[in-house]
Amino acid sequence: MVDLGHKSAFDLLLKEAWNPEQAAMGNSSLPTPFGYRILTTLDLYLNSIFLLLKYEYFVKCRSK
């Protein structure tokens, strides 16, 4: 049910966005712009998966 194209795109985004300086800042208790960016990306990604699953469920229910 998971589209591997989306997973590879997200993995590529994460790989390009991550660097050692931001990893060191991860120990800080203050939120960082990078943290907000990752959370926003995850939110968009998970919402797209949810909408896709919802659509597939709707199509499956209508075909019965």
C-alpha atoms as a PDB file:
ATOM      1  CA  MET A   1       0.000   0.000   0.000  1.00  0.00           C
ATOM      2  CA  VAL A   2       2.962   2.366   0.393  1.00  0.00           C
ATOM      3  CA  ASP A   3       4.156   3.960  -2.826  1.00  0.00           C
ATOM      4  CA  LEU A   4       7.894   3.378  -2.938  1.00  0.00           C
ATOM      5  CA  GLY A   5       8.300   6.396  -5.223  1.00  0.00           C
ATOM      6  CA  HIS A   6       7.168   8.636  -2.376  1.00  0.00           C
ATOM      7  CA  LYS A   7       9.497   6.897   0.067  1.00  0.00           C
ATOM      8  CA  SER A   8      12.532   7.320  -2.155  1.00  0.00           C
ATOM      9  CA  ALA A   9      11.680  10.986  -2.769  1.00  0.00           C
ATOM     10  CA  PHE A  10      11.378  11.604   0.969  1.00  0.00           C
ATOM     11  CA  ASP A  11      14.633   9.734   1.667  1.00  0.00           C
ATOM     12  CA  LEU A  12      16.383  11.887  -0.947  1.00  0.00           C
ATOM     13  CA  LEU A  13      14.954  15.068   0.586  1.00  0.00           C
ATOM     14  CA  LEU A  14      16.089  14.006   4.044  1.00  0.00           C
ATOM     15  CA  LYS A  15      19.563  13.099   2.773  1.00  0.00           C
ATOM     16  CA  GLU A  16      19.981  16.472   1.018  1.00  0.00           C
ATOM     17  CA  ALA A  17      18.628  18.478   3.945  1.00  0.00           C
ATOM     18  CA  TRP A  18      20.643  16.803   6.710  1.00  0.00           C
ATOM     19  CA  ASN A  19      24.162  17.912   7.627  1.00  0.00           C
ATOM     20  CA  PRO A  20      26.397  17.548  10.722  1.00  0.00           C
ATOM     21  CA  GLU A  21      25.762  21.108  11.949  1.00  0.00           C
ATOM     22  CA  GLN A  22      22.030  20.498  12.044  1.00  0.00           C
ATOM     23  CA  ALA A  23      22.610  17.142  13.718  1.00  0.00           C
ATOM     24  CA  ALA A  24      24.537  18.908  16.481  1.00  0.00           C
ATOM     25  CA  MET A  25      21.717  21.430  16.849  1.00  0.00           C
ATOM     26  CA  GLY A  26      19.360  18.508  17.360  1.00  0.00           C
ATOM     27  CA  ASN A  27      20.599  18.323  20.948  1.00  0.00           C
ATOM     28  CA  SER A  28      19.330  21.850  21.580  1.00  0.00           C
ATOM     29  CA  SER A  29      16.013  22.347  23.338  1.00  0.00           C
ATOM     30  CA  LEU A  30      15.200  25.270  21.045  1.00  0.00           C
ATOM     31  CA  PRO A  31      13.204  24.543  17.880  1.00  0.00           C
ATOM     32  CA  THR A  32      15.134  25.119  14.681  1.00  0.00           C
ATOM     33  CA  PRO A  33      13.958  26.050  11.186  1.00  0.00           C
ATOM     34  CA  PHE A  34      15.222  22.661  10.054  1.00  0.00           C
ATOM     35  CA  GLY A  35      12.998  20.949  12.616  1.00  0.00           C
ATOM     36  CA  TYR A  36       9.993  22.871  11.383  1.00  0.00           C
ATOM     37  CA  ARG A  37      10.893  22.004   7.794  1.00  0.00           C
ATOM     38  CA  ILE A  38      11.146  18.302   8.572  1.00  0.00           C
ATOM     39  CA  LEU A  39       7.877  18.328  10.514  1.00  0.00           C
ATOM     40  CA  THR A  40       6.130  20.151   7.681  1.00  0.00           C
ATOM     41  CA  THR A  41       7.537  17.703   5.135  1.00  0.00           C
ATOM     42  CA  LEU A  42       6.442  14.743   7.234  1.00  0.00           C
ATOM     43  CA  ASP A  43       2.995  16.254   7.654  1.00  0.00           C
ATOM     44  CA  LEU A  44       2.587  16.748   3.904  1.00  0.00           C
ATOM     45  CA  TYR A  45       3.923  13.265   3.173  1.00  0.00           C
ATOM     46  CA  LEU A  46       1.663  11.546   5.696  1.00  0.00           C
ATOM     47  CA  ASN A  47      -1.363  13.557   4.566  1.00  0.00           C
ATOM     48  CA  SER A  48      -0.753  12.503   0.967  1.00  0.00           C
ATOM     49  CA  ILE A  49      -0.540   8.854   2.012  1.00  0.00           C
ATOM     50  CA  PHE A  50      -3.720   9.233   4.064  1.00  0.00           C
ATOM     51  CA  LEU A  51      -5.577  10.796   1.124  1.00  0.00           C
ATOM     52  CA  LEU A  52      -4.359   8.054  -1.200  1.00  0.00           C
ATOM     53  CA  LEU A  53      -5.513   5.330   1.197  1.00  0.00           C
ATOM     54  CA  LYS A  54      -8.832   7.104   1.676  1.00  0.00           C
ATOM     55  CA  TYR A  55      -9.315   7.283  -2.094  1.00  0.00           C
ATOM     56  CA  GLU A  56      -8.406   3.603  -2.561  1.00  0.00           C
ATOM     57  CA  TYR A  57     -10.866   2.640   0.175  1.00  0.00           C
ATOM     58  CA  PHE A  58     -13.581   4.748  -1.446  1.00  0.00           C
ATOM     59  CA  VAL A  59     -12.960   3.148  -4.851  1.00  0.00           C
ATOM     60  CA  LYS A  60     -12.950  -0.343  -3.331  1.00  0.00           C
ATOM     61  CA  CYS A  61     -16.235   0.305  -1.498  1.00  0.00           C
ATOM     62  CA  ARG A  62     -17.909   1.672  -4.623  1.00  0.00           C
ATOM     63  CA  SER A  63     -16.874  -1.337  -6.699  1.00  0.00           C
ATOM     64  CA  LYS A  64     -18.704  -3.765  -4.402  1.00  0.00           C
END
